[in-house]
Amino acid sequence: MQDQKTPNRQYNLPHIQNPGAQEVDRLRDTITAIDADINTLAVGLGTKADKTTTANLQAQIDDLTTLIYAGLI
């Protein structure tokens, strides 16, 4: 069996010399690994976006509070 991998994430690559049944298992493993990697990225980006949004909103509230207390709005 040929066991070739992608260079970065080491995902399984199909090979013409491998039996179809083995390739199905390998492709399933690869798709599962890609799904997990994408989920990790999505969660990370969502968390970062939430933190950034919260920080930006808090900064805007702080600025407005300062202006209100200064009597400028």
PDB file of N, CA and C in Angstrom:
ATOM      1  N   MET A   1       0.831  -1.185   0.000  1.00  0.00           N
ATOM      2  CA  MET A   1       0.000   0.000   0.000  1.00  0.00           C
ATOM      3  C   MET A   1       0.879   1.252   0.000  1.00  0.00           C
ATOM      4  N   GLN A   2       0.527   2.170  -0.860  1.00  0.00           N
ATOM      5  CA  GLN A   2       1.207   3.464  -0.912  1.00  0.00           C
ATOM      6  C   GLN A   2       0.598   4.372   0.170  1.00  0.00           C
ATOM      7  N   ASP A   3       1.434   5.003   0.984  1.00  0.00           N
ATOM      8  CA  ASP A   3       0.941   5.842   2.081  1.00  0.00           C
ATOM      9  C   ASP A   3       1.478   7.266   1.932  1.00  0.00           C
ATOM     10  N   GLN A   4       1.020   7.948   0.901  1.00  0.00           N
ATOM     11  CA  GLN A   4       1.460   9.319   0.671  1.00  0.00           C
ATOM     12  C   GLN A   4       0.615  10.273   1.508  1.00  0.00           C
ATOM     13  N   LYS A   5       1.237  11.388   1.926  1.00  0.00           N
ATOM     14  CA  LYS A   5       0.590  12.388   2.786  1.00  0.00           C
ATOM     15  C   LYS A   5       0.779  13.778   2.191  1.00  0.00           C
ATOM     16  N   THR A   6      -0.109  14.698   2.583  1.00  0.00           N
ATOM     17  CA  THR A   6       0.067  16.092   2.179  1.00  0.00           C
ATOM     18  C   THR A   6       1.234  16.678   2.965  1.00  0.00           C
ATOM     19  N   PRO A   7       1.920  17.685   2.418  1.00  0.00           N
ATOM     20  CA  PRO A   7       3.131  18.187   3.065  1.00  0.00           C
ATOM     21  C   PRO A   7       2.892  18.946   4.378  1.00  0.00           C
ATOM     22  N   ASN A   8       1.767  19.616   4.515  1.00  0.00           N
ATOM     23  CA  ASN A   8       1.586  20.471   5.688  1.00  0.00           C
ATOM     24  C   ASN A   8       0.851  19.802   6.839  1.00  0.00           C
ATOM     25  N   ARG A   9      -0.302  19.248   6.580  1.00  0.00           N
ATOM     26  CA  ARG A   9      -1.129  18.672   7.642  1.00  0.00           C
ATOM     27  C   ARG A   9      -1.071  17.146   7.684  1.00  0.00           C
ATOM     28  N   GLN A  10      -0.318  16.557   6.777  1.00  0.00           N
ATOM     29  CA  GLN A  10      -0.148  15.099   6.730  1.00  0.00           C
ATOM     30  C   GLN A  10      -1.465  14.355   6.523  1.00  0.00           C
ATOM     31  N   TYR A  11      -2.354  14.935   5.716  1.00  0.00           N
ATOM     32  CA  TYR A  11      -3.583  14.236   5.343  1.00  0.00           C
ATOM     33  C   TYR A  11      -3.226  13.112   4.376  1.00  0.00           C
ATOM     34  N   ASN A  12      -3.993  12.040   4.448  1.00  0.00           N
ATOM     35  CA  ASN A  12      -3.780  10.927   3.517  1.00  0.00           C
ATOM     36  C   ASN A  12      -4.098  11.362   2.092  1.00  0.00           C
ATOM     37  N   LEU A  13      -3.251  10.926   1.165  1.00  0.00           N
ATOM     38  CA  LEU A  13      -3.506  11.142  -0.257  1.00  0.00           C
ATOM     39  C   LEU A  13      -3.817   9.806  -0.914  1.00  0.00           C
ATOM     40  N   PRO A  14      -4.862   9.755  -1.733  1.00  0.00           N
ATOM     41  CA  PRO A  14      -5.150   8.506  -2.435  1.00  0.00           C
ATOM     42  C   PRO A  14      -4.033   8.180  -3.429  1.00  0.00           C
ATOM     43  N   HIS A  15      -3.883   6.910  -3.695  1.00  0.00           N
ATOM     44  CA  HIS A  15      -2.882   6.482  -4.668  1.00  0.00           C
ATOM     45  C   HIS A  15      -3.510   5.430  -5.562  1.00  0.00           C
ATOM     46  N   ILE A  16      -3.238   5.493  -6.831  1.00  0.00           N
ATOM     47  CA  ILE A  16      -3.850   4.616  -7.838  1.00  0.00           C
ATOM     48  C   ILE A  16      -3.575   3.142  -7.567  1.00  0.00           C
ATOM     49  N   GLN A  17      -2.443   2.822  -6.936  1.00  0.00           N
ATOM     50  CA  GLN A  17      -2.083   1.419  -6.701  1.00  0.00           C
ATOM     51  C   GLN A  17      -2.779   0.811  -5.478  1.00  0.00           C
ATOM     52  N   ASN A  18      -3.401   1.639  -4.652  1.00  0.00           N
ATOM     53  CA  ASN A  18      -4.070   1.120  -3.456  1.00  0.00           C
ATOM     54  C   ASN A  18      -5.454   0.578  -3.798  1.00  0.00           C
ATOM     55  N   PRO A  19      -5.856  -0.518  -3.152  1.00  0.00           N
ATOM     56  CA  PRO A  19      -7.199  -1.058  -3.372  1.00  0.00           C
ATOM     57  C   PRO A  19      -8.266  -0.045  -2.954  1.00  0.00           C
ATOM     58  N   GLY A  20      -9.370  -0.064  -3.678  1.00  0.00           N
ATOM     59  CA  GLY A  20     -10.441   0.898  -3.425  1.00  0.00           C
ATOM     60  C   GLY A  20     -10.956   0.891  -1.996  1.00  0.00           C
ATOM     61  N   ALA A  21     -11.114  -0.274  -1.406  1.00  0.00           N
ATOM     62  CA  ALA A  21     -11.637  -0.360  -0.039  1.00  0.00           C
ATOM     63  C   ALA A  21     -10.702   0.323   0.956  1.00  0.00           C
ATOM     64  N   GLN A  22      -9.398   0.161   0.759  1.00  0.00           N
ATOM     65  CA  GLN A  22      -8.439   0.840   1.641  1.00  0.00           C
ATOM     66  C   GLN A  22      -8.513   2.351   1.451  1.00  0.00           C
ATOM     67  N   GLU A  23      -8.676   2.775   0.211  1.00  0.00           N
ATOM     68  CA  GLU A  23      -8.742   4.211  -0.066  1.00  0.00           C
ATOM     69  C   GLU A  23      -9.992   4.844   0.531  1.00  0.00           C
ATOM     70  N   VAL A  24     -11.090   4.101   0.545  1.00  0.00           N
ATOM     71  CA  VAL A  24     -12.309   4.627   1.168  1.00  0.00           C
ATOM     72  C   VAL A  24     -12.044   4.921   2.641  1.00  0.00           C
ATOM     73  N   ASP A  25     -11.418   3.985   3.344  1.00  0.00           N
ATOM     74  CA  ASP A  25     -11.093   4.206   4.764  1.00  0.00           C
ATOM     75  C   ASP A  25     -10.150   5.396   4.944  1.00  0.00           C
ATOM     76  N   ARG A  26      -9.143   5.466   4.096  1.00  0.00           N
ATOM     77  CA  ARG A  26      -8.180   6.565   4.195  1.00  0.00           C
ATOM     78  C   ARG A  26      -8.841   7.910   3.895  1.00  0.00           C
ATOM     79  N   LEU A  27      -9.703   7.932   2.886  1.00  0.00           N
ATOM     80  CA  LEU A  27     -10.392   9.178   2.545  1.00  0.00           C
ATOM     81  C   LEU A  27     -11.347   9.600   3.658  1.00  0.00           C
ATOM     82  N   ARG A  28     -12.011   8.639   4.279  1.00  0.00           N
ATOM     83  CA  ARG A  28     -12.885   8.962   5.412  1.00  0.00           C
ATOM     84  C   ARG A  28     -12.076   9.574   6.551  1.00  0.00           C
ATOM     85  N   ASP A  29     -10.911   8.990   6.836  1.00  0.00           N
ATOM     86  CA  ASP A  29     -10.044   9.539   7.881  1.00  0.00           C
ATOM     87  C   ASP A  29      -9.599  10.958   7.534  1.00  0.00           C
ATOM     88  N   THR A  30      -9.263  11.163   6.275  1.00  0.00           N
ATOM     89  CA  THR A  30      -8.819  12.481   5.838  1.00  0.00           C
ATOM     90  C   THR A  30      -9.934  13.510   5.956  1.00  0.00           C
ATOM     91  N   ILE A  31     -11.121  13.160   5.502  1.00  0.00           N
ATOM     92  CA  ILE A  31     -12.247  14.092   5.576  1.00  0.00           C
ATOM     93  C   ILE A  31     -12.568  14.419   7.031  1.00  0.00           C
ATOM     94  N   THR A  32     -12.502  13.436   7.904  1.00  0.00           N
ATOM     95  CA  THR A  32     -12.743  13.667   9.329  1.00  0.00           C
ATOM     96  C   THR A  32     -11.689  14.610   9.906  1.00  0.00           C
ATOM     97  N   ALA A  33     -10.439  14.418   9.537  1.00  0.00           N
ATOM     98  CA  ALA A  33      -9.364  15.286  10.024  1.00  0.00           C
ATOM     99  C   ALA A  33      -9.532  16.717   9.514  1.00  0.00           C
ATOM    100  N   ILE A  34      -9.903  16.872   8.250  1.00  0.00           N
ATOM    101  CA  ILE A  34     -10.129  18.204   7.683  1.00  0.00           C
ATOM    102  C   ILE A  34     -11.302  18.880   8.394  1.00  0.00           C
ATOM    103  N   ASP A  35     -12.370  18.123   8.640  1.00  0.00           N
ATOM    104  CA  ASP A  35     -13.532  18.655   9.347  1.00  0.00           C
ATOM    105  C   ASP A  35     -13.136  19.167  10.736  1.00  0.00           C
ATOM    106  N   ALA A  36     -12.330  18.388  11.448  1.00  0.00           N
ATOM    107  CA  ALA A  36     -11.877  18.798  12.782  1.00  0.00           C
ATOM    108  C   ALA A  36     -11.016  20.058  12.707  1.00  0.00           C
ATOM    109  N   ASP A  37     -10.121  20.130  11.714  1.00  0.00           N
ATOM    110  CA  ASP A  37      -9.275  21.316  11.557  1.00  0.00           C
ATOM    111  C   ASP A  37     -10.111  22.555  11.245  1.00  0.00           C
ATOM    112  N   ILE A  38     -11.100  22.415  10.375  1.00  0.00           N
ATOM    113  CA  ILE A  38     -11.956  23.548  10.022  1.00  0.00           C
ATOM    114  C   ILE A  38     -12.774  23.988  11.232  1.00  0.00           C
ATOM    115  N   ASN A  39     -13.273  23.024  12.006  1.00  0.00           N
ATOM    116  CA  ASN A  39     -14.021  23.374  13.206  1.00  0.00           C
ATOM    117  C   ASN A  39     -13.147  24.133  14.201  1.00  0.00           C
ATOM    118  N   THR A  40     -11.922  23.685  14.374  1.00  0.00           N
ATOM    119  CA  THR A  40     -10.998  24.371  15.276  1.00  0.00           C
ATOM    120  C   THR A  40     -10.768  25.808  14.811  1.00  0.00           C
ATOM    121  N   LEU A  41     -10.587  26.003  13.520  1.00  0.00           N
ATOM    122  CA  LEU A  41     -10.404  27.350  12.978  1.00  0.00           C
ATOM    123  C   LEU A  41     -11.658  28.205  13.171  1.00  0.00           C
ATOM    124  N   ALA A  42     -12.816  27.623  12.905  1.00  0.00           N
ATOM    125  CA  ALA A  42     -14.064  28.366  13.029  1.00  0.00           C
ATOM    126  C   ALA A  42     -14.298  28.805  14.472  1.00  0.00           C
ATOM    127  N   VAL A  43     -14.050  27.913  15.410  1.00  0.00           N
ATOM    128  CA  VAL A  43     -14.226  28.249  16.821  1.00  0.00           C
ATOM    129  C   VAL A  43     -13.227  29.330  17.213  1.00  0.00           C
ATOM    130  N   GLY A  44     -11.991  29.177  16.771  1.00  0.00           N
ATOM    131  CA  GLY A  44     -10.969  30.179  17.080  1.00  0.00           C
ATOM    132  C   GLY A  44     -11.297  31.546  16.508  1.00  0.00           C
ATOM    133  N   LEU A  45     -11.756  31.571  15.282  1.00  0.00           N
ATOM    134  CA  LEU A  45     -12.118  32.848  14.659  1.00  0.00           C
ATOM    135  C   LEU A  45     -13.335  33.453  15.327  1.00  0.00           C
ATOM    136  N   GLY A  46     -14.304  32.623  15.678  1.00  0.00           N
ATOM    137  CA  GLY A  46     -15.496  33.121  16.359  1.00  0.00           C
ATOM    138  C   GLY A  46     -15.157  33.704  17.711  1.00  0.00           C
ATOM    139  N   THR A  47     -14.298  33.035  18.453  1.00  0.00           N
ATOM    140  CA  THR A  47     -13.876  33.532  19.758  1.00  0.00           C
ATOM    141  C   THR A  47     -13.125  34.834  19.612  1.00  0.00           C
ATOM    142  N   LYS A  48     -12.243  34.897  18.622  1.00  0.00           N
ATOM    143  CA  LYS A  48     -11.481  36.124  18.401  1.00  0.00           C
ATOM    144  C   LYS A  48     -12.412  37.264  18.000  1.00  0.00           C
ATOM    145  N   ALA A  49     -13.384  36.972  17.130  1.00  0.00           N
ATOM    146  CA  ALA A  49     -14.329  37.999  16.701  1.00  0.00           C
ATOM    147  C   ALA A  49     -15.147  38.488  17.884  1.00  0.00           C
ATOM    148  N   ASP A  50     -15.592  37.567  18.744  1.00  0.00           N
ATOM    149  CA  ASP A  50     -16.368  37.964  19.917  1.00  0.00           C
ATOM    150  C   ASP A  50     -15.551  38.856  20.843  1.00  0.00           C
ATOM    151  N   LYS A  51     -14.302  38.499  21.074  1.00  0.00           N
ATOM    152  CA  LYS A  51     -13.447  39.301  21.952  1.00  0.00           C
ATOM    153  C   LYS A  51     -13.181  40.671  21.343  1.00  0.00           C
ATOM    154  N   THR A  52     -12.917  40.699  20.035  1.00  0.00           N
ATOM    155  CA  THR A  52     -12.649  41.964  19.360  1.00  0.00           C
ATOM    156  C   THR A  52     -13.880  42.857  19.398  1.00  0.00           C
ATOM    157  N   THR A  53     -15.054  42.300  19.119  1.00  0.00           N
ATOM    158  CA  THR A  53     -16.289  43.068  19.125  1.00  0.00           C
ATOM    159  C   THR A  53     -16.563  43.608  20.519  1.00  0.00           C
ATOM    160  N   THR A  54     -16.413  42.769  21.525  1.00  0.00           N
ATOM    161  CA  THR A  54     -16.651  43.199  22.905  1.00  0.00           C
ATOM    162  C   THR A  54     -15.688  44.305  23.288  1.00  0.00           C
ATOM    163  N   ALA A  55     -14.427  44.154  22.939  1.00  0.00           N
ATOM    164  CA  ALA A  55     -13.425  45.180  23.263  1.00  0.00           C
ATOM    165  C   ALA A  55     -13.750  46.488  22.554  1.00  0.00           C
ATOM    166  N   ASN A  56     -14.147  46.407  21.281  1.00  0.00           N
ATOM    167  CA  ASN A  56     -14.482  47.617  20.534  1.00  0.00           C
ATOM    168  C   ASN A  56     -15.705  48.306  21.114  1.00  0.00           C
ATOM    169  N   LEU A  57     -16.719  47.541  21.448  1.00  0.00           N
ATOM    170  CA  LEU A  57     -17.924  48.122  22.032  1.00  0.00           C
ATOM    171  C   LEU A  57     -17.629  48.764  23.378  1.00  0.00           C
ATOM    172  N   GLN A  58     -16.823  48.101  24.191  1.00  0.00           N
ATOM    173  CA  GLN A  58     -16.482  48.663  25.494  1.00  0.00           C
ATOM    174  C   GLN A  58     -15.696  49.964  25.329  1.00  0.00           C
ATOM    175  N   ALA A  59     -14.804  50.018  24.364  1.00  0.00           N
ATOM    176  CA  ALA A  59     -14.049  51.251  24.109  1.00  0.00           C
ATOM    177  C   ALA A  59     -14.983  52.379  23.689  1.00  0.00           C
ATOM    178  N   GLN A  60     -15.961  52.065  22.849  1.00  0.00           N
ATOM    179  CA  GLN A  60     -16.919  53.084  22.418  1.00  0.00           C
ATOM    180  C   GLN A  60     -17.772  53.557  23.588  1.00  0.00           C
ATOM    181  N   ILE A  61     -18.196  52.638  24.438  1.00  0.00           N
ATOM    182  CA  ILE A  61     -18.973  53.019  25.628  1.00  0.00           C
ATOM    183  C   ILE A  61     -18.135  53.918  26.535  1.00  0.00           C
ATOM    184  N   ASP A  62     -16.883  53.549  26.729  1.00  0.00           N
ATOM    185  CA  ASP A  62     -15.992  54.365  27.566  1.00  0.00           C
ATOM    186  C   ASP A  62     -15.833  55.773  26.997  1.00  0.00           C
ATOM    187  N   ASP A  63     -15.667  55.870  25.682  1.00  0.00           N
ATOM    188  CA  ASP A  63     -15.533  57.180  25.042  1.00  0.00           C
ATOM    189  C   ASP A  63     -16.796  58.013  25.216  1.00  0.00           C
ATOM    190  N   LEU A  64     -17.953  57.391  24.996  1.00  0.00           N
ATOM    191  CA  LEU A  64     -19.224  58.110  25.148  1.00  0.00           C
ATOM    192  C   LEU A  64     -19.455  58.524  26.601  1.00  0.00           C
ATOM    193  N   THR A  65     -19.100  57.673  27.535  1.00  0.00           N
ATOM    194  CA  THR A  65     -19.252  57.994  28.946  1.00  0.00           C
ATOM    195  C   THR A  65     -18.412  59.225  29.298  1.00  0.00           C
ATOM    196  N   THR A  66     -17.211  59.242  28.802  1.00  0.00           N
ATOM    197  CA  THR A  66     -16.345  60.399  29.048  1.00  0.00           C
ATOM    198  C   THR A  66     -16.952  61.676  28.470  1.00  0.00           C
ATOM    199  N   LEU A  67     -17.471  61.602  27.272  1.00  0.00           N
ATOM    200  CA  LEU A  67     -18.086  62.775  26.636  1.00  0.00           C
ATOM    201  C   LEU A  67     -19.343  63.215  27.388  1.00  0.00           C
ATOM    202  N   ILE A  68     -20.124  62.274  27.864  1.00  0.00           N
ATOM    203  CA  ILE A  68     -21.345  62.603  28.614  1.00  0.00           C
ATOM    204  C   ILE A  68     -20.975  63.322  29.907  1.00  0.00           C
ATOM    205  N   TYR A  69     -20.019  62.777  30.629  1.00  0.00           N
ATOM    206  CA  TYR A  69     -19.607  63.408  31.901  1.00  0.00           C
ATOM    207  C   TYR A  69     -18.952  64.767  31.673  1.00  0.00           C
ATOM    208  N   ALA A  70     -18.356  64.945  30.541  1.00  0.00           N
ATOM    209  CA  ALA A  70     -17.741  66.243  30.210  1.00  0.00           C
ATOM    210  C   ALA A  70     -18.781  67.233  29.723  1.00  0.00           C
ATOM    211  N   GLY A  71     -20.009  66.760  29.519  1.00  0.00           N
ATOM    212  CA  GLY A  71     -21.082  67.646  29.077  1.00  0.00           C
ATOM    213  C   GLY A  71     -21.025  67.955  27.595  1.00  0.00           C
ATOM    214  N   LEU A  72     -20.308  67.157  26.857  1.00  0.00           N
ATOM    215  CA  LEU A  72     -20.166  67.432  25.423  1.00  0.00           C
ATOM    216  C   LEU A  72     -21.268  66.761  24.602  1.00  0.00           C
ATOM    217  N   ILE A  73     -21.991  65.825  25.188  1.00  0.00           N
ATOM    218  CA  ILE A  73     -23.158  65.242  24.498  1.00  0.00           C
ATOM    219  C   ILE A  73     -24.246  64.982  25.516  1.00  0.00           C
TER     220      ILE A  73
END
